[in-house]
Amino acid sequence: MQCRTDCGACCIAISIHQPFYGMPNGKPAGVPCVHLSPAMRCGVFGDTRRPALCDAFKPEPAYCGDTREQALVRLARLEVLSAPDRPERGDAR
């Protein structure tokens, strides 16, 4: 699967917990990366300063769905499910 034109969902929905070029405090989930271009493309694609997480993230139908809106919802859900402080089932928190 190729990245969808005008999408940028992965540059918005996911969090990056480590500092990287242009975002010294990392990137919270739901906040557009500073390198997301107006054309919804990664401005540091192919650049060695691009975060390893972004470089490893590949488009897949399970994450990207059929539309940008589906991708945003699916990736936001994945973000919640993978959060390190997520309460376990039965946890009283």
PDB file of N, CA and C in Angstrom:
ATOM      1  N   MET A   1       0.850  -1.181   0.000  1.00  0.00           N
ATOM      2  CA  MET A   1       0.000   0.000   0.000  1.00  0.00           C
ATOM      3  C   MET A   1       0.890   1.236   0.000  1.00  0.00           C
ATOM      4  N   GLN A   2       0.504   2.234  -0.751  1.00  0.00           N
ATOM      5  CA  GLN A   2       1.196   3.517  -0.800  1.00  0.00           C
ATOM      6  C   GLN A   2       0.458   4.518   0.090  1.00  0.00           C
ATOM      7  N   CYS A   3       1.194   5.523   0.565  1.00  0.00           N
ATOM      8  CA  CYS A   3       0.542   6.580   1.335  1.00  0.00           C
ATOM      9  C   CYS A   3      -0.508   7.259   0.468  1.00  0.00           C
ATOM     10  N   ARG A   4      -1.618   7.594   1.101  1.00  0.00           N
ATOM     11  CA  ARG A   4      -2.717   8.274   0.418  1.00  0.00           C
ATOM     12  C   ARG A   4      -2.365   9.753   0.230  1.00  0.00           C
ATOM     13  N   THR A   5      -2.654  10.294  -0.921  1.00  0.00           N
ATOM     14  CA  THR A   5      -2.438  11.710  -1.191  1.00  0.00           C
ATOM     15  C   THR A   5      -3.296  12.547  -0.238  1.00  0.00           C
ATOM     16  N   ASP A   6      -2.739  13.628   0.253  1.00  0.00           N
ATOM     17  CA  ASP A   6      -3.450  14.562   1.138  1.00  0.00           C
ATOM     18  C   ASP A   6      -3.960  13.921   2.418  1.00  0.00           C
ATOM     19  N   CYS A   7      -3.224  12.984   2.993  1.00  0.00           N
ATOM     20  CA  CYS A   7      -3.690  12.308   4.212  1.00  0.00           C
ATOM     21  C   CYS A   7      -2.978  12.871   5.449  1.00  0.00           C
ATOM     22  N   GLY A   8      -1.755  12.454   5.693  1.00  0.00           N
ATOM     23  CA  GLY A   8      -1.003  12.949   6.847  1.00  0.00           C
ATOM     24  C   GLY A   8      -1.504  12.450   8.186  1.00  0.00           C
ATOM     25  N   ALA A   9      -2.400  11.460   8.199  1.00  0.00           N
ATOM     26  CA  ALA A   9      -2.978  10.986   9.462  1.00  0.00           C
ATOM     27  C   ALA A   9      -1.916  10.503  10.443  1.00  0.00           C
ATOM     28  N   CYS A  10      -0.905   9.785   9.951  1.00  0.00           N
ATOM     29  CA  CYS A  10       0.123   9.271  10.862  1.00  0.00           C
ATOM     30  C   CYS A  10       0.980  10.408  11.421  1.00  0.00           C
ATOM     31  N   CYS A  11       1.031  11.536  10.732  1.00  0.00           N
ATOM     32  CA  CYS A  11       1.791  12.702  11.206  1.00  0.00           C
ATOM     33  C   CYS A  11       0.994  13.530  12.214  1.00  0.00           C
ATOM     34  N   ILE A  12      -0.240  13.133  12.433  1.00  0.00           N
ATOM     35  CA  ILE A  12      -1.111  13.835  13.376  1.00  0.00           C
ATOM     36  C   ILE A  12      -1.494  12.937  14.549  1.00  0.00           C
ATOM     37  N   ALA A  13      -1.984  11.753  14.253  1.00  0.00           N
ATOM     38  CA  ALA A  13      -2.618  10.910  15.269  1.00  0.00           C
ATOM     39  C   ALA A  13      -1.661  10.314  16.285  1.00  0.00           C
ATOM     40  N   ILE A  14      -0.469   9.911  15.853  1.00  0.00           N
ATOM     41  CA  ILE A  14       0.419   9.199  16.772  1.00  0.00           C
ATOM     42  C   ILE A  14       1.259  10.158  17.609  1.00  0.00           C
ATOM     43  N   SER A  15       1.672   9.666  18.772  1.00  0.00           N
ATOM     44  CA  SER A  15       2.551  10.448  19.635  1.00  0.00           C
ATOM     45  C   SER A  15       3.985   9.971  19.452  1.00  0.00           C
ATOM     46  N   ILE A  16       4.909  10.876  19.681  1.00  0.00           N
ATOM     47  CA  ILE A  16       6.336  10.551  19.675  1.00  0.00           C
ATOM     48  C   ILE A  16       6.868  11.057  21.002  1.00  0.00           C
ATOM     49  N   HIS A  17       7.332  10.147  21.831  1.00  0.00           N
ATOM     50  CA  HIS A  17       7.711  10.496  23.198  1.00  0.00           C
ATOM     51  C   HIS A  17       9.161  10.933  23.351  1.00  0.00           C
ATOM     52  N   GLN A  18       9.905  10.950  22.264  1.00  0.00           N
ATOM     53  CA  GLN A  18      11.297  11.371  22.330  1.00  0.00           C
ATOM     54  C   GLN A  18      11.480  12.674  21.557  1.00  0.00           C
ATOM     55  N   PRO A  19      12.413  13.498  22.007  1.00  0.00           N
ATOM     56  CA  PRO A  19      12.680  14.728  21.258  1.00  0.00           C
ATOM     57  C   PRO A  19      13.208  14.379  19.868  1.00  0.00           C
ATOM     58  N   PHE A  20      12.876  15.211  18.895  1.00  0.00           N
ATOM     59  CA  PHE A  20      13.429  15.045  17.560  1.00  0.00           C
ATOM     60  C   PHE A  20      13.521  16.408  16.907  1.00  0.00           C
ATOM     61  N   TYR A  21      14.183  16.450  15.785  1.00  0.00           N
ATOM     62  CA  TYR A  21      14.436  17.683  15.050  1.00  0.00           C
ATOM     63  C   TYR A  21      13.149  18.492  14.878  1.00  0.00           C
ATOM     64  N   GLY A  22      13.151  19.695  15.416  1.00  0.00           N
ATOM     65  CA  GLY A  22      12.009  20.588  15.291  1.00  0.00           C
ATOM     66  C   GLY A  22      10.973  20.454  16.390  1.00  0.00           C
ATOM     67  N   MET A  23      11.029  19.351  17.145  1.00  0.00           N
ATOM     68  CA  MET A  23      10.071  19.142  18.244  1.00  0.00           C
ATOM     69  C   MET A  23      10.853  18.603  19.452  1.00  0.00           C
ATOM     70  N   PRO A  24      11.527  19.495  20.170  1.00  0.00           N
ATOM     71  CA  PRO A  24      12.403  19.079  21.265  1.00  0.00           C
ATOM     72  C   PRO A  24      11.682  18.403  22.433  1.00  0.00           C
ATOM     73  N   ASN A  25      10.375  18.550  22.509  1.00  0.00           N
ATOM     74  CA  ASN A  25       9.610  17.895  23.575  1.00  0.00           C
ATOM     75  C   ASN A  25       8.817  16.700  23.052  1.00  0.00           C
ATOM     76  N   GLY A  26       9.119  16.255  21.851  1.00  0.00           N
ATOM     77  CA  GLY A  26       8.352  15.176  21.245  1.00  0.00           C
ATOM     78  C   GLY A  26       7.058  15.725  20.653  1.00  0.00           C
ATOM     79  N   LYS A  27       6.142  14.799  20.313  1.00  0.00           N
ATOM     80  CA  LYS A  27       4.887  15.222  19.698  1.00  0.00           C
ATOM     81  C   LYS A  27       3.722  14.499  20.354  1.00  0.00           C
ATOM     82  N   PRO A  28       2.787  15.236  20.934  1.00  0.00           N
ATOM     83  CA  PRO A  28       1.601  14.597  21.519  1.00  0.00           C
ATOM     84  C   PRO A  28       0.678  14.033  20.435  1.00  0.00           C
ATOM     85  N   ALA A  29      -0.064  13.017  20.782  1.00  0.00           N
ATOM     86  CA  ALA A  29      -1.064  12.460  19.873  1.00  0.00           C
ATOM     87  C   ALA A  29      -2.084  13.535  19.528  1.00  0.00           C
ATOM     88  N   GLY A  30      -2.496  13.569  18.281  1.00  0.00           N
ATOM     89  CA  GLY A  30      -3.505  14.519  17.836  1.00  0.00           C
ATOM     90  C   GLY A  30      -2.974  15.878  17.436  1.00  0.00           C
ATOM     91  N   VAL A  31      -1.679  16.084  17.600  1.00  0.00           N
ATOM     92  CA  VAL A  31      -1.051  17.356  17.236  1.00  0.00           C
ATOM     93  C   VAL A  31      -0.259  17.143  15.951  1.00  0.00           C
ATOM     94  N   PRO A  32      -0.476  17.968  14.942  1.00  0.00           N
ATOM     95  CA  PRO A  32       0.292  17.803  13.708  1.00  0.00           C
ATOM     96  C   PRO A  32       1.789  18.015  13.946  1.00  0.00           C
ATOM     97  N   CYS A  33       2.584  17.186  13.325  1.00  0.00           N
ATOM     98  CA  CYS A  33       4.039  17.350  13.376  1.00  0.00           C
ATOM     99  C   CYS A  33       4.402  18.665  12.698  1.00  0.00           C
ATOM    100  N   VAL A  34       5.448  19.333  13.185  1.00  0.00           N
ATOM    101  CA  VAL A  34       5.875  20.591  12.571  1.00  0.00           C
ATOM    102  C   VAL A  34       6.386  20.389  11.150  1.00  0.00           C
ATOM    103  N   HIS A  35       6.707  19.160  10.797  1.00  0.00           N
ATOM    104  CA  HIS A  35       7.227  18.870   9.462  1.00  0.00           C
ATOM    105  C   HIS A  35       6.138  18.441   8.487  1.00  0.00           C
ATOM    106  N   LEU A  36       4.893  18.434   8.904  1.00  0.00           N
ATOM    107  CA  LEU A  36       3.788  18.099   8.017  1.00  0.00           C
ATOM    108  C   LEU A  36       3.531  19.289   7.098  1.00  0.00           C
ATOM    109  N   SER A  37       3.686  19.059   5.815  1.00  0.00           N
ATOM    110  CA  SER A  37       3.559  20.153   4.848  1.00  0.00           C
ATOM    111  C   SER A  37       2.088  20.491   4.594  1.00  0.00           C
ATOM    112  N   PRO A  38       1.822  21.643   4.001  1.00  0.00           N
ATOM    113  CA  PRO A  38       0.438  21.990   3.642  1.00  0.00           C
ATOM    114  C   PRO A  38      -0.196  20.949   2.703  1.00  0.00           C
ATOM    115  N   ALA A  39       0.636  20.212   1.972  1.00  0.00           N
ATOM    116  CA  ALA A  39       0.141  19.157   1.087  1.00  0.00           C
ATOM    117  C   ALA A  39      -0.039  17.839   1.844  1.00  0.00           C
ATOM    118  N   MET A  40       0.073  17.900   3.178  1.00  0.00           N
ATOM    119  CA  MET A  40      -0.104  16.738   4.050  1.00  0.00           C
ATOM    120  C   MET A  40       0.942  15.647   3.781  1.00  0.00           C
ATOM    121  N   ARG A  41       2.164  16.065   3.559  1.00  0.00           N
ATOM    122  CA  ARG A  41       3.285  15.171   3.326  1.00  0.00           C
ATOM    123  C   ARG A  41       4.370  15.456   4.354  1.00  0.00           C
ATOM    124  N   CYS A  42       5.187  14.433   4.633  1.00  0.00           N
ATOM    125  CA  CYS A  42       6.290  14.582   5.583  1.00  0.00           C
ATOM    126  C   CYS A  42       7.398  15.412   4.953  1.00  0.00           C
ATOM    127  N   GLY A  43       7.739  16.500   5.609  1.00  0.00           N
ATOM    128  CA  GLY A  43       8.789  17.386   5.112  1.00  0.00           C
ATOM    129  C   GLY A  43      10.186  16.885   5.384  1.00  0.00           C
ATOM    130  N   VAL A  44      10.343  15.842   6.200  1.00  0.00           N
ATOM    131  CA  VAL A  44      11.667  15.284   6.481  1.00  0.00           C
ATOM    132  C   VAL A  44      11.758  13.824   6.015  1.00  0.00           C
ATOM    133  N   PHE A  45      10.857  13.423   5.121  1.00  0.00           N
ATOM    134  CA  PHE A  45      10.915  12.075   4.567  1.00  0.00           C
ATOM    135  C   PHE A  45      12.265  11.894   3.874  1.00  0.00           C
ATOM    136  N   GLY A  46      12.960  10.804   4.207  1.00  0.00           N
ATOM    137  CA  GLY A  46      14.275  10.541   3.628  1.00  0.00           C
ATOM    138  C   GLY A  46      15.413  11.274   4.311  1.00  0.00           C
ATOM    139  N   ASP A  47      15.111  12.108   5.285  1.00  0.00           N
ATOM    140  CA  ASP A  47      16.104  12.886   6.026  1.00  0.00           C
ATOM    141  C   ASP A  47      16.533  12.069   7.253  1.00  0.00           C
ATOM    142  N   THR A  48      17.805  12.073   7.565  1.00  0.00           N
ATOM    143  CA  THR A  48      18.301  11.317   8.719  1.00  0.00           C
ATOM    144  C   THR A  48      17.757  11.860  10.037  1.00  0.00           C
ATOM    145  N   ARG A  49      17.222  13.072  10.032  1.00  0.00           N
ATOM    146  CA  ARG A  49      16.656  13.653  11.258  1.00  0.00           C
ATOM    147  C   ARG A  49      15.217  13.196  11.502  1.00  0.00           C
ATOM    148  N   ARG A  50      14.636  12.491  10.563  1.00  0.00           N
ATOM    149  CA  ARG A  50      13.267  11.969  10.722  1.00  0.00           C
ATOM    150  C   ARG A  50      13.267  10.944  11.851  1.00  0.00           C
ATOM    151  N   PRO A  51      12.282  11.006  12.757  1.00  0.00           N
ATOM    152  CA  PRO A  51      12.239  10.061  13.866  1.00  0.00           C
ATOM    153  C   PRO A  51      12.177   8.603  13.388  1.00  0.00           C
ATOM    154  N   ALA A  52      12.869   7.732  14.104  1.00  0.00           N
ATOM    155  CA  ALA A  52      12.898   6.307  13.753  1.00  0.00           C
ATOM    156  C   ALA A  52      11.487   5.717  13.725  1.00  0.00           C
ATOM    157  N   LEU A  53      10.635   6.158  14.636  1.00  0.00           N
ATOM    158  CA  LEU A  53       9.252   5.667  14.671  1.00  0.00           C
ATOM    159  C   LEU A  53       8.560   5.962  13.346  1.00  0.00           C
ATOM    160  N   CYS A  54       8.730   7.148  12.836  1.00  0.00           N
ATOM    161  CA  CYS A  54       8.092   7.530  11.569  1.00  0.00           C
ATOM    162  C   CYS A  54       8.668   6.716  10.420  1.00  0.00           C
ATOM    163  N   ASP A  55       9.969   6.521  10.437  1.00  0.00           N
ATOM    164  CA  ASP A  55      10.610   5.769   9.370  1.00  0.00           C
ATOM    165  C   ASP A  55      10.139   4.317   9.367  1.00  0.00           C
ATOM    166  N   ALA A  56       9.859   3.771  10.545  1.00  0.00           N
ATOM    167  CA  ALA A  56       9.420   2.378  10.653  1.00  0.00           C
ATOM    168  C   ALA A  56       7.933   2.204  10.364  1.00  0.00           C
ATOM    169  N   PHE A  57       7.173   3.276  10.479  1.00  0.00           N
ATOM    170  CA  PHE A  57       5.724   3.198  10.280  1.00  0.00           C
ATOM    171  C   PHE A  57       5.413   3.104   8.795  1.00  0.00           C
ATOM    172  N   LYS A  58       4.756   2.034   8.408  1.00  0.00           N
ATOM    173  CA  LYS A  58       4.432   1.812   7.001  1.00  0.00           C
ATOM    174  C   LYS A  58       2.919   1.793   6.818  1.00  0.00           C
ATOM    175  N   PRO A  59       2.412   2.320   5.711  1.00  0.00           N
ATOM    176  CA  PRO A  59       0.962   2.308   5.474  1.00  0.00           C
ATOM    177  C   PRO A  59       0.443   0.885   5.300  1.00  0.00           C
ATOM    178  N   GLU A  60      -0.638   0.594   5.993  1.00  0.00           N
ATOM    179  CA  GLU A  60      -1.290  -0.711   5.918  1.00  0.00           C
ATOM    180  C   GLU A  60      -2.798  -0.479   5.934  1.00  0.00           C
ATOM    181  N   PRO A  61      -3.552  -1.279   5.199  1.00  0.00           N
ATOM    182  CA  PRO A  61      -5.011  -1.110   5.189  1.00  0.00           C
ATOM    183  C   PRO A  61      -5.632  -1.141   6.589  1.00  0.00           C
ATOM    184  N   ALA A  62      -5.090  -1.948   7.487  1.00  0.00           N
ATOM    185  CA  ALA A  62      -5.653  -2.046   8.841  1.00  0.00           C
ATOM    186  C   ALA A  62      -5.547  -0.723   9.596  1.00  0.00           C
ATOM    187  N   TYR A  63      -4.533   0.058   9.308  1.00  0.00           N
ATOM    188  CA  TYR A  63      -4.347   1.344   9.976  1.00  0.00           C
ATOM    189  C   TYR A  63      -4.915   2.498   9.163  1.00  0.00           C
ATOM    190  N   CYS A  64      -4.770   2.426   7.868  1.00  0.00           N
ATOM    191  CA  CYS A  64      -5.126   3.546   6.997  1.00  0.00           C
ATOM    192  C   CYS A  64      -6.577   3.547   6.536  1.00  0.00           C
ATOM    193  N   GLY A  65      -7.209   2.386   6.531  1.00  0.00           N
ATOM    194  CA  GLY A  65      -8.586   2.322   6.074  1.00  0.00           C
ATOM    195  C   GLY A  65      -8.717   2.784   4.634  1.00  0.00           C
ATOM    196  N   ASP A  66      -9.898   3.246   4.291  1.00  0.00           N
ATOM    197  CA  ASP A  66     -10.176   3.685   2.926  1.00  0.00           C
ATOM    198  C   ASP A  66     -10.144   5.197   2.751  1.00  0.00           C
ATOM    199  N   THR A  67     -10.122   5.933   3.879  1.00  0.00           N
ATOM    200  CA  THR A  67     -10.140   7.395   3.810  1.00  0.00           C
ATOM    201  C   THR A  67      -9.221   7.976   4.887  1.00  0.00           C
ATOM    202  N   ARG A  68      -8.916   9.239   4.742  1.00  0.00           N
ATOM    203  CA  ARG A  68      -8.113   9.939   5.747  1.00  0.00           C
ATOM    204  C   ARG A  68      -8.828   9.929   7.105  1.00  0.00           C
ATOM    205  N   GLU A  69     -10.137  10.120   7.075  1.00  0.00           N
ATOM    206  CA  GLU A  69     -10.917  10.136   8.316  1.00  0.00           C
ATOM    207  C   GLU A  69     -10.841   8.780   9.029  1.00  0.00           C
ATOM    208  N   GLN A  70     -10.942   7.697   8.263  1.00  0.00           N
ATOM    209  CA  GLN A  70     -10.802   6.363   8.861  1.00  0.00           C
ATOM    210  C   GLN A  70      -9.419   6.190   9.456  1.00  0.00           C
ATOM    211  N   ALA A  71      -8.407   6.652   8.754  1.00  0.00           N
ATOM    212  CA  ALA A  71      -7.041   6.538   9.258  1.00  0.00           C
ATOM    213  C   ALA A  71      -6.873   7.295  10.570  1.00  0.00           C
ATOM    214  N   LEU A  72      -7.407   8.495  10.656  1.00  0.00           N
ATOM    215  CA  LEU A  72      -7.295   9.276  11.890  1.00  0.00           C
ATOM    216  C   LEU A  72      -7.962   8.557  13.064  1.00  0.00           C
ATOM    217  N   VAL A  73      -9.139   7.992  12.827  1.00  0.00           N
ATOM    218  CA  VAL A  73      -9.862   7.275  13.884  1.00  0.00           C
ATOM    219  C   VAL A  73      -9.094   6.021  14.292  1.00  0.00           C
ATOM    220  N   ARG A  74      -8.652   5.245  13.314  1.00  0.00           N
ATOM    221  CA  ARG A  74      -7.952   3.996  13.607  1.00  0.00           C
ATOM    222  C   ARG A  74      -6.634   4.233  14.325  1.00  0.00           C
ATOM    223  N   LEU A  75      -5.894   5.225  13.890  1.00  0.00           N
ATOM    224  CA  LEU A  75      -4.616   5.508  14.534  1.00  0.00           C
ATOM    225  C   LEU A  75      -4.805   6.099  15.929  1.00  0.00           C
ATOM    226  N   ALA A  76      -5.835   6.891  16.119  1.00  0.00           N
ATOM    227  CA  ALA A  76      -6.124   7.420  17.459  1.00  0.00           C
ATOM    228  C   ALA A  76      -6.485   6.280  18.403  1.00  0.00           C
ATOM    229  N   ARG A  77      -7.249   5.321  17.907  1.00  0.00           N
ATOM    230  CA  ARG A  77      -7.611   4.152  18.729  1.00  0.00           C
ATOM    231  C   ARG A  77      -6.374   3.328  19.062  1.00  0.00           C
ATOM    232  N   LEU A  78      -5.497   3.128  18.099  1.00  0.00           N
ATOM    233  CA  LEU A  78      -4.253   2.407  18.334  1.00  0.00           C
ATOM    234  C   LEU A  78      -3.402   3.123  19.375  1.00  0.00           C
ATOM    235  N   GLU A  79      -3.392   4.444  19.306  1.00  0.00           N
ATOM    236  CA  GLU A  79      -2.647   5.249  20.278  1.00  0.00           C
ATOM    237  C   GLU A  79      -3.164   4.986  21.694  1.00  0.00           C
ATOM    238  N   VAL A  80      -4.472   4.965  21.861  1.00  0.00           N
ATOM    239  CA  VAL A  80      -5.079   4.701  23.175  1.00  0.00           C
ATOM    240  C   VAL A  80      -4.743   3.285  23.637  1.00  0.00           C
ATOM    241  N   LEU A  81      -4.886   2.321  22.753  1.00  0.00           N
ATOM    242  CA  LEU A  81      -4.646   0.920  23.111  1.00  0.00           C
ATOM    243  C   LEU A  81      -3.186   0.632  23.447  1.00  0.00           C
ATOM    244  N   SER A  82      -2.278   1.400  22.889  1.00  0.00           N
ATOM    245  CA  SER A  82      -0.855   1.148  23.132  1.00  0.00           C
ATOM    246  C   SER A  82      -0.253   2.055  24.201  1.00  0.00           C
ATOM    247  N   ALA A  83      -1.053   2.896  24.817  1.00  0.00           N
ATOM    248  CA  ALA A  83      -0.537   3.809  25.842  1.00  0.00           C
ATOM    249  C   ALA A  83       0.034   3.023  27.032  1.00  0.00           C
ATOM    250  N   PRO A  84       1.239   3.391  27.480  1.00  0.00           N
ATOM    251  CA  PRO A  84       1.862   2.654  28.575  1.00  0.00           C
ATOM    252  C   PRO A  84       1.104   2.750  29.893  1.00  0.00           C
ATOM    253  N   ASP A  85       0.335   3.812  30.093  1.00  0.00           N
ATOM    254  CA  ASP A  85      -0.389   3.978  31.354  1.00  0.00           C
ATOM    255  C   ASP A  85      -1.842   3.532  31.239  1.00  0.00           C
ATOM    256  N   ARG A  86      -2.150   2.775  30.201  1.00  0.00           N
ATOM    257  CA  ARG A  86      -3.522   2.291  29.991  1.00  0.00           C
ATOM    258  C   ARG A  86      -3.884   1.309  31.094  1.00  0.00           C
ATOM    259  N   PRO A  87      -4.994   1.532  31.795  1.00  0.00           N
ATOM    260  CA  PRO A  87      -5.405   0.587  32.834  1.00  0.00           C
ATOM    261  C   PRO A  87      -5.731  -0.780  32.242  1.00  0.00           C
ATOM    262  N   GLU A  88      -5.323  -1.815  32.923  1.00  0.00           N
ATOM    263  CA  GLU A  88      -5.614  -3.170  32.499  1.00  0.00           C
ATOM    264  C   GLU A  88      -7.064  -3.499  32.815  1.00  0.00           C
ATOM    265  N   ARG A  89      -7.612  -4.473  32.137  1.00  0.00           N
ATOM    266  CA  ARG A  89      -8.969  -4.922  32.421  1.00  0.00           C
ATOM    267  C   ARG A  89      -9.102  -5.287  33.897  1.00  0.00           C
ATOM    268  N   GLY A  90     -10.116  -4.787  34.526  1.00  0.00           N
ATOM    269  CA  GLY A  90     -10.338  -5.099  35.949  1.00  0.00           C
ATOM    270  C   GLY A  90      -9.592  -4.177  36.883  1.00  0.00           C
ATOM    271  N   ASP A  91      -8.719  -3.330  36.361  1.00  0.00           N
ATOM    272  CA  ASP A  91      -7.981  -2.375  37.168  1.00  0.00           C
ATOM    273  C   ASP A  91      -8.958  -1.313  37.650  1.00  0.00           C
ATOM    274  N   ALA A  92      -8.917  -0.975  38.916  1.00  0.00           N
ATOM    275  CA  ALA A  92      -9.885  -0.041  39.522  1.00  0.00           C
ATOM    276  C   ALA A  92      -9.554   1.426  39.260  1.00  0.00           C
ATOM    277  N   ARG A  93      -8.479   1.722  38.582  1.00  0.00           N
ATOM    278  CA  ARG A  93      -8.116   3.123  38.352  1.00  0.00           C
ATOM    279  C   ARG A  93      -9.148   3.882  37.624  1.00  0.00           C
TER     280      ARG A  93
END
